[in-house]
Amino acid sequence: MALPAILQRHRDRAVLVACAVAAIALLGLPSGFRFNLARGLGSVVYAPANGALWLDGHLRRLQGENEALRERLMTLADEWRRGEEYRREAVRLRRLLEFRDRQSYRFLPAELLSYPVDFRERNLLRIDRGRRDGVREGMPVVSPGGLIGSVFTVHDGSAEVHMLASADCAVSCRDRRSRVLGVLKWDPRRGFSVDRVELSEDIQVGDLFMTSGLGSRFPEGFLVGTVKTVTSPPGALHQDVRLEPAAPLARLEDVFVVTAVSYDAPGFPVPFVEPVDSTALADSLARADSLAAAQGRAPRAGSARP
């Protein structure tokens, strides 16, 4: 029988015999040599365990440092968010002060009590100013961005505002660049548009439309919107002018009620004039043009004839 086969069959006995022989041999060696040999063998045997213990402690230390850094990062992020919110609030308040100071009107600041989820479906918002604050029906309501609408119903401590996004709302407005007159209207399908603008009138994309002051419904000079499209439909008598509203109607924050016009003479406010019907405004413009034509004079520039 081959030697490897014998060793394979008596492997356990062979190992035991080898260990016994090694132990007897070690006993015969000098004590110093035995100590050095044991220490060397121990370092070889226990090195992986010591390394694992060191690695475990190092990982625990790194995990603690990582958690501390993460907590610090969250604290700094929270401080940054609060600082950014304070900065935005300061910018907003500065804009409100600049808006109020640069206008020749008297403004009553108001806060929103309720706001429609979709202004295209429900166009009434409620403010915390009412009759005892001097608010009356028909007073314009604006934001730093532009015109919002007018007071619809007044209570003692609150009021409801009819927004521009209403089929019943019509605003006489003027192109700030070309001085062309038109009437701002709202349609749920078309959005905001300027009606009664003839094909020959000079209207360009990007033009700003302001309130004209005609009809005494809205004071002159408030931004209404920016022209986003201008088309001339085949067979139409007027241009199709679509506007993007100046005021952020879907995300209003700060509103003002225009209560009076401020003049240089102190204590001389002109109260707001009650509004007139938009149809009467259009009829007045048409009669003015007809009278000018009868007298042989050219119609007004930017005439908004029906």
C-alpha atoms as a PDB file:
ATOM      1  CA  MET A   1       0.000   0.000   0.000  1.00  0.00           C
ATOM      2  CA  ALA A   2       1.363   3.395  -0.877  1.00  0.00           C
ATOM      3  CA  LEU A   3       2.554   5.702   1.950  1.00  0.00           C
ATOM      4  CA  PRO A   4       0.120   8.577   1.168  1.00  0.00           C
ATOM      5  CA  ALA A   5      -2.789   6.171   1.375  1.00  0.00           C
ATOM      6  CA  ILE A   6      -1.629   4.993   4.815  1.00  0.00           C
ATOM      7  CA  LEU A   7      -1.249   8.584   6.046  1.00  0.00           C
ATOM      8  CA  GLN A   8      -4.672   9.459   4.695  1.00  0.00           C
ATOM      9  CA  ARG A   9      -6.270   6.575   6.577  1.00  0.00           C
ATOM     10  CA  HIS A  10      -4.404   7.310   9.847  1.00  0.00           C
ATOM     11  CA  ARG A  11      -4.384  11.093   9.498  1.00  0.00           C
ATOM     12  CA  ASP A  12      -5.687  11.892  12.977  1.00  0.00           C
ATOM     13  CA  ARG A  13      -3.173   9.581  14.631  1.00  0.00           C
ATOM     14  CA  ALA A  14      -0.392  11.014  12.527  1.00  0.00           C
ATOM     15  CA  VAL A  15      -1.233  14.550  13.578  1.00  0.00           C
ATOM     16  CA  LEU A  16      -1.369  13.543  17.226  1.00  0.00           C
ATOM     17  CA  VAL A  17       2.004  11.783  16.983  1.00  0.00           C
ATOM     18  CA  ALA A  18       3.538  14.786  15.212  1.00  0.00           C
ATOM     19  CA  CYS A  19       2.296  17.143  17.927  1.00  0.00           C
ATOM     20  CA  ALA A  20       3.681  14.855  20.645  1.00  0.00           C
ATOM     21  CA  VAL A  21       7.081  14.681  18.934  1.00  0.00           C
ATOM     22  CA  ALA A  22       7.117  18.483  18.526  1.00  0.00           C
ATOM     23  CA  ALA A  23       6.252  18.991  22.191  1.00  0.00           C
ATOM     24  CA  ILE A  24       9.024  16.625  23.320  1.00  0.00           C
ATOM     25  CA  ALA A  25      11.456  18.376  21.002  1.00  0.00           C
ATOM     26  CA  LEU A  26      10.494  21.784  22.381  1.00  0.00           C
ATOM     27  CA  LEU A  27      11.012  20.607  25.926  1.00  0.00           C
ATOM     28  CA  GLY A  28      14.572  19.812  25.044  1.00  0.00           C
ATOM     29  CA  LEU A  29      15.265  23.318  23.714  1.00  0.00           C
ATOM     30  CA  PRO A  30      16.690  26.159  25.848  1.00  0.00           C
ATOM     31  CA  SER A  31      14.080  28.253  27.705  1.00  0.00           C
ATOM     32  CA  GLY A  32      15.044  31.521  25.939  1.00  0.00           C
ATOM     33  CA  PHE A  33      14.622  29.959  22.534  1.00  0.00           C
ATOM     34  CA  ARG A  34      11.259  28.478  23.567  1.00  0.00           C
ATOM     35  CA  PHE A  35      10.047  31.916  24.743  1.00  0.00           C
ATOM     36  CA  ASN A  36      11.032  33.665  21.508  1.00  0.00           C
ATOM     37  CA  LEU A  37       9.467  30.894  19.451  1.00  0.00           C
ATOM     38  CA  ALA A  38       6.202  31.071  21.430  1.00  0.00           C
ATOM     39  CA  ARG A  39       6.106  34.831  21.091  1.00  0.00           C
ATOM     40  CA  GLY A  40       6.681  34.632  17.351  1.00  0.00           C
ATOM     41  CA  LEU A  41       4.030  31.978  16.889  1.00  0.00           C
ATOM     42  CA  GLY A  42       1.605  33.972  19.062  1.00  0.00           C
ATOM     43  CA  SER A  43       2.087  37.118  17.025  1.00  0.00           C
ATOM     44  CA  VAL A  44       1.405  35.155  13.862  1.00  0.00           C
ATOM     45  CA  VAL A  45      -1.668  33.459  15.293  1.00  0.00           C
ATOM     46  CA  TYR A  46      -3.200  36.503  17.022  1.00  0.00           C
ATOM     47  CA  ALA A  47      -2.312  39.120  14.381  1.00  0.00           C
ATOM     48  CA  PRO A  48      -5.630  38.741  12.466  1.00  0.00           C
ATOM     49  CA  ALA A  49      -7.627  38.986  15.691  1.00  0.00           C
ATOM     50  CA  ASN A  50      -5.722  42.083  16.825  1.00  0.00           C
ATOM     51  CA  GLY A  51      -6.218  43.632  13.405  1.00  0.00           C
ATOM     52  CA  ALA A  52      -9.923  42.912  13.535  1.00  0.00           C
ATOM     53  CA  LEU A  53     -10.193  44.501  16.995  1.00  0.00           C
ATOM     54  CA  TRP A  54      -8.303  47.612  15.822  1.00  0.00           C
ATOM     55  CA  LEU A  55     -10.419  47.870  12.699  1.00  0.00           C
ATOM     56  CA  ASP A  56     -13.634  47.559  14.722  1.00  0.00           C
ATOM     57  CA  GLY A  57     -12.560  50.341  17.084  1.00  0.00           C
ATOM     58  CA  HIS A  58     -11.483  52.535  14.169  1.00  0.00           C
ATOM     59  CA  LEU A  59     -14.796  52.013  12.390  1.00  0.00           C
ATOM     60  CA  ARG A  60     -16.727  52.859  15.555  1.00  0.00           C
ATOM     61  CA  ARG A  61     -14.697  56.057  15.938  1.00  0.00           C
ATOM     62  CA  LEU A  62     -15.313  56.996  12.313  1.00  0.00           C
ATOM     63  CA  GLN A  63     -19.029  56.294  12.708  1.00  0.00           C
ATOM     64  CA  GLY A  64     -19.192  58.610  15.724  1.00  0.00           C
ATOM     65  CA  GLU A  65     -17.353  61.359  13.842  1.00  0.00           C
ATOM     66  CA  ASN A  66     -19.655  60.866  10.850  1.00  0.00           C
ATOM     67  CA  GLU A  67     -22.767  61.219  13.012  1.00  0.00           C
ATOM     68  CA  ALA A  68     -21.353  64.356  14.650  1.00  0.00           C
ATOM     69  CA  LEU A  69     -20.547  65.863  11.241  1.00  0.00           C
ATOM     70  CA  ARG A  70     -24.009  64.962   9.936  1.00  0.00           C
ATOM     71  CA  GLU A  71     -25.649  66.637  12.934  1.00  0.00           C
ATOM     72  CA  ARG A  72     -23.502  69.720  12.404  1.00  0.00           C
ATOM     73  CA  LEU A  73     -24.407  69.764   8.725  1.00  0.00           C
ATOM     74  CA  MET A  74     -28.119  69.610   9.547  1.00  0.00           C
ATOM     75  CA  THR A  75     -27.696  72.484  12.011  1.00  0.00           C
ATOM     76  CA  LEU A  76     -25.865  74.597   9.436  1.00  0.00           C
ATOM     77  CA  ALA A  77     -28.468  73.776   6.767  1.00  0.00           C
ATOM     78  CA  ASP A  78     -31.270  74.829   9.116  1.00  0.00           C
ATOM     79  CA  GLU A  79     -29.450  78.064   9.951  1.00  0.00           C
ATOM     80  CA  TRP A  80     -28.910  78.723   6.242  1.00  0.00           C
ATOM     81  CA  ARG A  81     -32.601  78.135   5.476  1.00  0.00           C
ATOM     82  CA  ARG A  82     -33.641  80.510   8.227  1.00  0.00           C
ATOM     83  CA  GLY A  83     -31.140  83.102   7.041  1.00  0.00           C
ATOM     84  CA  GLU A  84     -32.404  82.755   3.468  1.00  0.00           C
ATOM     85  CA  GLU A  85     -35.990  83.151   4.672  1.00  0.00           C
ATOM     86  CA  TYR A  86     -35.039  86.298   6.603  1.00  0.00           C
ATOM     87  CA  ARG A  87     -33.272  87.641   3.529  1.00  0.00           C
ATOM     88  CA  ARG A  88     -36.302  87.013   1.326  1.00  0.00           C
ATOM     89  CA  GLU A  89     -38.566  88.626   3.909  1.00  0.00           C
ATOM     90  CA  ALA A  90     -36.293  91.683   4.024  1.00  0.00           C
ATOM     91  CA  VAL A  91     -36.314  91.920   0.217  1.00  0.00           C
ATOM     92  CA  ARG A  92     -40.104  91.584   0.164  1.00  0.00           C
ATOM     93  CA  LEU A  93     -40.593  94.292   2.788  1.00  0.00           C
ATOM     94  CA  ARG A  94     -38.148  96.577   0.974  1.00  0.00           C
ATOM     95  CA  ARG A  95     -40.099  96.100  -2.256  1.00  0.00           C
ATOM     96  CA  LEU A  96     -43.335  96.923  -0.463  1.00  0.00           C
ATOM     97  CA  LEU A  97     -41.877 100.117   0.975  1.00  0.00           C
ATOM     98  CA  GLU A  98     -40.436 101.159  -2.381  1.00  0.00           C
ATOM     99  CA  PHE A  99     -43.718 100.390  -4.123  1.00  0.00           C
ATOM    100  CA  ARG A 100     -45.713 102.428  -1.625  1.00  0.00           C
ATOM    101  CA  ASP A 101     -43.306 105.376  -1.573  1.00  0.00           C
ATOM    102  CA  ARG A 102     -42.848 105.769  -5.320  1.00  0.00           C
ATOM    103  CA  GLN A 103     -46.560 105.883  -6.142  1.00  0.00           C
ATOM    104  CA  SER A 104     -48.750 108.986  -6.057  1.00  0.00           C
ATOM    105  CA  TYR A 105     -51.593 107.094  -4.403  1.00  0.00           C
ATOM    106  CA  ARG A 106     -52.569 106.272  -0.871  1.00  0.00           C
ATOM    107  CA  PHE A 107     -52.396 102.581  -0.109  1.00  0.00           C
ATOM    108  CA  LEU A 108     -53.974 100.567   2.659  1.00  0.00           C
ATOM    109  CA  PRO A 109     -52.000  97.338   3.215  1.00  0.00           C
ATOM    110  CA  ALA A 110     -54.105  94.229   3.698  1.00  0.00           C
ATOM    111  CA  GLU A 111     -53.588  90.561   4.412  1.00  0.00           C
ATOM    112  CA  LEU A 112     -55.360  87.692   2.704  1.00  0.00           C
ATOM    113  CA  LEU A 113     -57.950  85.873   4.795  1.00  0.00           C
ATOM    114  CA  SER A 114     -58.965  83.433   2.072  1.00  0.00           C
ATOM    115  CA  TYR A 115     -57.707  82.712  -1.395  1.00  0.00           C
ATOM    116  CA  PRO A 116     -59.183  80.606  -4.225  1.00  0.00           C
ATOM    117  CA  VAL A 117     -57.382  77.362  -4.952  1.00  0.00           C
ATOM    118  CA  ASP A 118     -57.742  78.064  -8.673  1.00  0.00           C
ATOM    119  CA  PHE A 119     -58.369  81.720  -9.517  1.00  0.00           C
ATOM    120  CA  ARG A 120     -59.631  80.661 -12.965  1.00  0.00           C
ATOM    121  CA  GLU A 121     -62.610  78.901 -11.372  1.00  0.00           C
ATOM    122  CA  ARG A 122     -63.301  81.131  -8.383  1.00  0.00           C
ATOM    123  CA  ASN A 123     -62.216  84.749  -8.673  1.00  0.00           C
ATOM    124  CA  LEU A 124     -62.985  86.151  -5.213  1.00  0.00           C
ATOM    125  CA  LEU A 125     -60.453  86.624  -2.448  1.00  0.00           C
ATOM    126  CA  ARG A 126     -61.017  88.020   1.029  1.00  0.00           C
ATOM    127  CA  ILE A 127     -58.879  90.611   2.845  1.00  0.00           C
ATOM    128  CA  ASP A 128     -58.710  91.742   6.480  1.00  0.00           C
ATOM    129  CA  ARG A 129     -59.688  95.367   5.766  1.00  0.00           C
ATOM    130  CA  GLY A 130     -63.270  96.590   5.778  1.00  0.00           C
ATOM    131  CA  ARG A 131     -65.651  99.459   6.293  1.00  0.00           C
ATOM    132  CA  ARG A 132     -64.105 100.679   9.531  1.00  0.00           C
ATOM    133  CA  ASP A 133     -60.744 100.933   7.730  1.00  0.00           C
ATOM    134  CA  GLY A 134     -62.209 103.202   5.057  1.00  0.00           C
ATOM    135  CA  VAL A 135     -62.641 100.536   2.393  1.00  0.00           C
ATOM    136  CA  ARG A 136     -65.550 101.014  -0.003  1.00  0.00           C
ATOM    137  CA  GLU A 137     -66.952  99.018  -2.892  1.00  0.00           C
ATOM    138  CA  GLY A 138     -65.177  99.587  -6.180  1.00  0.00           C
ATOM    139  CA  MET A 139     -61.793 100.553  -4.720  1.00  0.00           C
ATOM    140  CA  PRO A 140     -58.902  99.079  -6.725  1.00  0.00           C
ATOM    141  CA  VAL A 141     -56.722  96.387  -5.181  1.00  0.00           C
ATOM    142  CA  VAL A 142     -53.120  96.054  -6.327  1.00  0.00           C
ATOM    143  CA  SER A 143     -49.918  94.217  -5.522  1.00  0.00           C
ATOM    144  CA  PRO A 144     -46.308  95.303  -6.091  1.00  0.00           C
ATOM    145  CA  GLY A 145     -46.536  93.395  -9.367  1.00  0.00           C
ATOM    146  CA  GLY A 146     -49.619  95.111 -10.734  1.00  0.00           C
ATOM    147  CA  LEU A 147     -53.400  95.323 -10.703  1.00  0.00           C
ATOM    148  CA  ILE A 148     -55.360  92.539  -8.983  1.00  0.00           C
ATOM    149  CA  GLY A 149     -58.991  93.666  -9.127  1.00  0.00           C
ATOM    150  CA  SER A 150     -61.466  95.767  -7.157  1.00  0.00           C
ATOM    151  CA  VAL A 151     -63.409  95.569  -3.912  1.00  0.00           C
ATOM    152  CA  PHE A 152     -66.673  93.728  -4.486  1.00  0.00           C
ATOM    153  CA  THR A 153     -68.343  93.464  -1.056  1.00  0.00           C
ATOM    154  CA  VAL A 154     -67.447  95.359   2.131  1.00  0.00           C
ATOM    155  CA  HIS A 155     -68.025  94.219   5.724  1.00  0.00           C
ATOM    156  CA  ASP A 156     -67.032  95.921   8.963  1.00  0.00           C
ATOM    157  CA  GLY A 157     -63.692  94.165   9.311  1.00  0.00           C
ATOM    158  CA  SER A 158     -63.188  92.477   5.955  1.00  0.00           C
ATOM    159  CA  ALA A 159     -63.917  92.770   2.260  1.00  0.00           C
ATOM    160  CA  GLU A 160     -64.167  90.554  -0.803  1.00  0.00           C
ATOM    161  CA  VAL A 161     -62.125  91.415  -3.864  1.00  0.00           C
ATOM    162  CA  HIS A 162     -63.264  90.672  -7.403  1.00  0.00           C
ATOM    163  CA  MET A 163     -60.139  89.582  -9.272  1.00  0.00           C
ATOM    164  CA  LEU A 164     -59.318  90.474 -12.870  1.00  0.00           C
ATOM    165  CA  ALA A 165     -59.863  86.865 -13.907  1.00  0.00           C
ATOM    166  CA  SER A 166     -63.607  87.311 -14.300  1.00  0.00           C
ATOM    167  CA  ALA A 167     -65.815  87.489 -17.357  1.00  0.00           C
ATOM    168  CA  ASP A 168     -67.563  90.484 -15.768  1.00  0.00           C
ATOM    169  CA  CYS A 169     -64.351  92.477 -15.383  1.00  0.00           C
ATOM    170  CA  ALA A 170     -63.258  94.980 -18.046  1.00  0.00           C
ATOM    171  CA  VAL A 171     -60.358  97.391 -17.599  1.00  0.00           C
ATOM    172  CA  SER A 172     -59.515 100.312 -19.855  1.00  0.00           C
ATOM    173  CA  CYS A 173     -55.784 100.050 -20.504  1.00  0.00           C
ATOM    174  CA  ARG A 174     -53.097 101.625 -22.665  1.00  0.00           C
ATOM    175  CA  ASP A 175     -49.920 100.369 -24.318  1.00  0.00           C
ATOM    176  CA  ARG A 176     -47.106 102.202 -22.542  1.00  0.00           C
ATOM    177  CA  ARG A 177     -44.947 102.289 -25.667  1.00  0.00           C
ATOM    178  CA  SER A 178     -47.395 103.090 -28.483  1.00  0.00           C
ATOM    179  CA  ARG A 179     -50.190 104.642 -26.333  1.00  0.00           C
ATOM    180  CA  VAL A 180     -52.783 102.414 -28.022  1.00  0.00           C
ATOM    181  CA  LEU A 181     -55.992 102.044 -26.028  1.00  0.00           C
ATOM    182  CA  GLY A 182     -57.836  98.794 -25.415  1.00  0.00           C
ATOM    183  CA  VAL A 183     -60.050  96.955 -22.959  1.00  0.00           C
ATOM    184  CA  LEU A 184     -58.626  94.128 -20.858  1.00  0.00           C
ATOM    185  CA  LYS A 185     -60.956  91.135 -20.629  1.00  0.00           C
ATOM    186  CA  TRP A 186     -60.834  87.590 -19.341  1.00  0.00           C
ATOM    187  CA  ASP A 187     -62.039  84.390 -20.922  1.00  0.00           C
ATOM    188  CA  PRO A 188     -61.571  80.954 -19.308  1.00  0.00           C
ATOM    189  CA  ARG A 189     -60.384  79.495 -22.611  1.00  0.00           C
ATOM    190  CA  ARG A 190     -58.369  82.401 -24.007  1.00  0.00           C
ATOM    191  CA  GLY A 191     -57.080  83.890 -20.772  1.00  0.00           C
ATOM    192  CA  PHE A 192     -56.400  87.626 -20.661  1.00  0.00           C
ATOM    193  CA  SER A 193     -56.730  89.617 -23.859  1.00  0.00           C
ATOM    194  CA  VAL A 194     -56.932  93.236 -24.954  1.00  0.00           C
ATOM    195  CA  ASP A 195     -60.033  93.804 -27.054  1.00  0.00           C
ATOM    196  CA  ARG A 196     -60.927  96.584 -29.501  1.00  0.00           C
ATOM    197  CA  VAL A 197     -57.413  96.934 -30.933  1.00  0.00           C
ATOM    198  CA  GLU A 198     -57.693  97.600 -34.667  1.00  0.00           C
ATOM    199  CA  LEU A 199     -55.509  95.858 -37.219  1.00  0.00           C
ATOM    200  CA  SER A 200     -53.586  99.046 -37.998  1.00  0.00           C
ATOM    201  CA  GLU A 201     -52.537  99.682 -34.406  1.00  0.00           C
ATOM    202  CA  ASP A 202     -48.927  99.195 -33.297  1.00  0.00           C
ATOM    203  CA  ILE A 203     -48.820  96.358 -30.758  1.00  0.00           C
ATOM    204  CA  GLN A 204     -45.732  94.213 -30.236  1.00  0.00           C
ATOM    205  CA  VAL A 205     -44.896  91.191 -28.116  1.00  0.00           C
ATOM    206  CA  GLY A 206     -43.357  92.363 -24.851  1.00  0.00           C
ATOM    207  CA  ASP A 207     -45.285  95.649 -24.686  1.00  0.00           C
ATOM    208  CA  LEU A 208     -46.555  96.652 -21.265  1.00  0.00           C
ATOM    209  CA  PHE A 209     -50.180  97.617 -20.761  1.00  0.00           C
ATOM    210  CA  MET A 210     -51.097 100.036 -17.974  1.00  0.00           C
ATOM    211  CA  THR A 211     -54.439 101.234 -16.669  1.00  0.00           C
ATOM    212  CA  SER A 212     -55.480 104.295 -18.686  1.00  0.00           C
ATOM    213  CA  GLY A 213     -57.584 105.993 -16.017  1.00  0.00           C
ATOM    214  CA  LEU A 214     -60.535 106.345 -18.401  1.00  0.00           C
ATOM    215  CA  GLY A 215     -63.932 105.609 -16.937  1.00  0.00           C
ATOM    216  CA  SER A 216     -62.834 106.391 -13.341  1.00  0.00           C
ATOM    217  CA  ARG A 217     -62.878 102.719 -12.438  1.00  0.00           C
ATOM    218  CA  PHE A 218     -59.154 102.216 -12.019  1.00  0.00           C
ATOM    219  CA  PRO A 219     -56.564 104.978 -11.521  1.00  0.00           C
ATOM    220  CA  GLU A 220     -54.035 105.570 -14.267  1.00  0.00           C
ATOM    221  CA  GLY A 221     -50.611 104.013 -14.311  1.00  0.00           C
ATOM    222  CA  PHE A 222     -50.999 100.586 -12.720  1.00  0.00           C
ATOM    223  CA  LEU A 223     -49.346  97.746 -14.615  1.00  0.00           C
ATOM    224  CA  VAL A 224     -51.875  95.300 -16.062  1.00  0.00           C
ATOM    225  CA  GLY A 225     -49.806  92.828 -18.034  1.00  0.00           C
ATOM    226  CA  THR A 226     -47.298  92.056 -20.766  1.00  0.00           C
ATOM    227  CA  VAL A 227     -48.193  91.189 -24.353  1.00  0.00           C
ATOM    228  CA  LYS A 228     -47.279  87.566 -25.042  1.00  0.00           C
ATOM    229  CA  THR A 229     -48.901  87.021 -28.472  1.00  0.00           C
ATOM    230  CA  VAL A 230     -50.286  89.273 -31.217  1.00  0.00           C
ATOM    231  CA  THR A 231     -52.179  87.784 -34.165  1.00  0.00           C
ATOM    232  CA  SER A 232     -54.516  89.036 -36.874  1.00  0.00           C
ATOM    233  CA  PRO A 233     -57.161  86.354 -37.536  1.00  0.00           C
ATOM    234  CA  PRO A 234     -58.414  86.169 -41.151  1.00  0.00           C
ATOM    235  CA  GLY A 235     -61.488  88.318 -41.673  1.00  0.00           C
ATOM    236  CA  ALA A 236     -61.284  89.881 -38.206  1.00  0.00           C
ATOM    237  CA  LEU A 237     -61.573  93.626 -37.639  1.00  0.00           C
ATOM    238  CA  HIS A 238     -59.371  93.646 -34.564  1.00  0.00           C
ATOM    239  CA  GLN A 239     -56.093  92.110 -33.498  1.00  0.00           C
ATOM    240  CA  ASP A 240     -56.032  89.186 -31.101  1.00  0.00           C
ATOM    241  CA  VAL A 241     -53.777  90.443 -28.303  1.00  0.00           C
ATOM    242  CA  ARG A 242     -53.080  88.031 -25.436  1.00  0.00           C
ATOM    243  CA  LEU A 243     -51.602  89.236 -22.156  1.00  0.00           C
ATOM    244  CA  GLU A 244     -49.703  87.688 -19.288  1.00  0.00           C
ATOM    245  CA  PRO A 245     -51.025  89.340 -16.100  1.00  0.00           C
ATOM    246  CA  ALA A 246     -48.500  91.459 -14.226  1.00  0.00           C
ATOM    247  CA  ALA A 247     -49.701  90.461 -10.767  1.00  0.00           C
ATOM    248  CA  PRO A 248     -49.017  86.856  -9.723  1.00  0.00           C
ATOM    249  CA  LEU A 249     -52.705  85.992  -9.349  1.00  0.00           C
ATOM    250  CA  ALA A 250     -51.952  82.358  -8.533  1.00  0.00           C
ATOM    251  CA  ARG A 251     -49.539  83.150  -5.675  1.00  0.00           C
ATOM    252  CA  LEU A 252     -50.463  86.462  -4.081  1.00  0.00           C
ATOM    253  CA  GLU A 253     -48.878  87.450  -0.782  1.00  0.00           C
ATOM    254  CA  ASP A 254     -49.168  91.215  -0.245  1.00  0.00           C
ATOM    255  CA  VAL A 255     -52.039  93.375  -1.454  1.00  0.00           C
ATOM    256  CA  PHE A 256     -52.971  97.043  -1.121  1.00  0.00           C
ATOM    257  CA  VAL A 257     -56.298  98.811  -1.367  1.00  0.00           C
ATOM    258  CA  VAL A 258     -56.010 102.104  -3.265  1.00  0.00           C
ATOM    259  CA  THR A 259     -57.998 104.507  -1.097  1.00  0.00           C
ATOM    260  CA  ALA A 260     -57.033 107.932  -2.505  1.00  0.00           C
ATOM    261  CA  VAL A 261     -54.710 109.895  -4.768  1.00  0.00           C
ATOM    262  CA  SER A 262     -52.018 111.889  -2.941  1.00  0.00           C
ATOM    263  CA  TYR A 263     -51.253 115.416  -4.167  1.00  0.00           C
ATOM    264  CA  ASP A 264     -48.429 117.775  -3.197  1.00  0.00           C
ATOM    265  CA  ALA A 265     -50.682 119.777  -0.901  1.00  0.00           C
ATOM    266  CA  PRO A 266     -50.734 117.930   2.420  1.00  0.00           C
ATOM    267  CA  GLY A 267     -54.075 116.724   3.622  1.00  0.00           C
ATOM    268  CA  PHE A 268     -55.673 116.963   0.190  1.00  0.00           C
ATOM    269  CA  PRO A 269     -56.598 113.432  -0.802  1.00  0.00           C
ATOM    270  CA  VAL A 270     -58.996 112.866  -3.659  1.00  0.00           C
ATOM    271  CA  PRO A 271     -61.402 110.060  -2.710  1.00  0.00           C
ATOM    272  CA  PHE A 272     -61.946 107.174  -5.034  1.00  0.00           C
ATOM    273  CA  VAL A 273     -64.670 107.717  -7.613  1.00  0.00           C
ATOM    274  CA  GLU A 274     -67.368 105.083  -7.908  1.00  0.00           C
ATOM    275  CA  PRO A 275     -66.845 102.803 -10.954  1.00  0.00           C
ATOM    276  CA  VAL A 276     -68.815 102.989 -14.155  1.00  0.00           C
ATOM    277  CA  ASP A 277     -69.955 100.184 -16.387  1.00  0.00           C
ATOM    278  CA  SER A 278     -67.420  99.000 -18.980  1.00  0.00           C
ATOM    279  CA  THR A 279     -70.066  99.101 -21.726  1.00  0.00           C
ATOM    280  CA  ALA A 280     -70.621 102.768 -21.002  1.00  0.00           C
ATOM    281  CA  LEU A 281     -66.872 103.301 -21.336  1.00  0.00           C
ATOM    282  CA  ALA A 282     -66.817 101.677 -24.781  1.00  0.00           C
ATOM    283  CA  ASP A 283     -69.866 103.704 -25.867  1.00  0.00           C
ATOM    284  CA  SER A 284     -68.187 106.914 -24.716  1.00  0.00           C
ATOM    285  CA  LEU A 285     -65.084 106.120 -26.756  1.00  0.00           C
ATOM    286  CA  ALA A 286     -67.199 105.342 -29.811  1.00  0.00           C
ATOM    287  CA  ARG A 287     -69.177 108.594 -29.465  1.00  0.00           C
ATOM    288  CA  ALA A 288     -65.946 110.574 -29.150  1.00  0.00           C
ATOM    289  CA  ASP A 289     -64.626 109.078 -32.386  1.00  0.00           C
ATOM    290  CA  SER A 290     -67.940 109.665 -34.168  1.00  0.00           C
ATOM    291  CA  LEU A 291     -67.954 113.310 -33.061  1.00  0.00           C
ATOM    292  CA  ALA A 292     -64.376 113.741 -34.250  1.00  0.00           C
ATOM    293  CA  ALA A 293     -65.262 112.255 -37.644  1.00  0.00           C
ATOM    294  CA  ALA A 294     -68.324 114.537 -37.967  1.00  0.00           C
ATOM    295  CA  GLN A 295     -66.176 117.608 -37.265  1.00  0.00           C
ATOM    296  CA  GLY A 296     -63.633 116.538 -39.863  1.00  0.00           C
ATOM    297  CA  ARG A 297     -60.931 115.742 -37.318  1.00  0.00           C
ATOM    298  CA  ALA A 298     -58.896 112.553 -37.181  1.00  0.00           C
ATOM    299  CA  PRO A 299     -59.895 110.119 -34.436  1.00  0.00           C
ATOM    300  CA  ARG A 300     -57.753 109.884 -31.345  1.00  0.00           C
ATOM    301  CA  ALA A 301     -54.513 107.937 -31.591  1.00  0.00           C
ATOM    302  CA  GLY A 302     -55.076 104.515 -30.140  1.00  0.00           C
ATOM    303  CA  SER A 303     -58.859 104.828 -30.378  1.00  0.00           C
ATOM    304  CA  ALA A 304     -60.704 101.814 -29.017  1.00  0.00           C
ATOM    305  CA  ARG A 305     -63.755 101.849 -31.245  1.00  0.00           C
ATOM    306  CA  PRO A 306     -66.209  98.970 -30.858  1.00  0.00           C
END
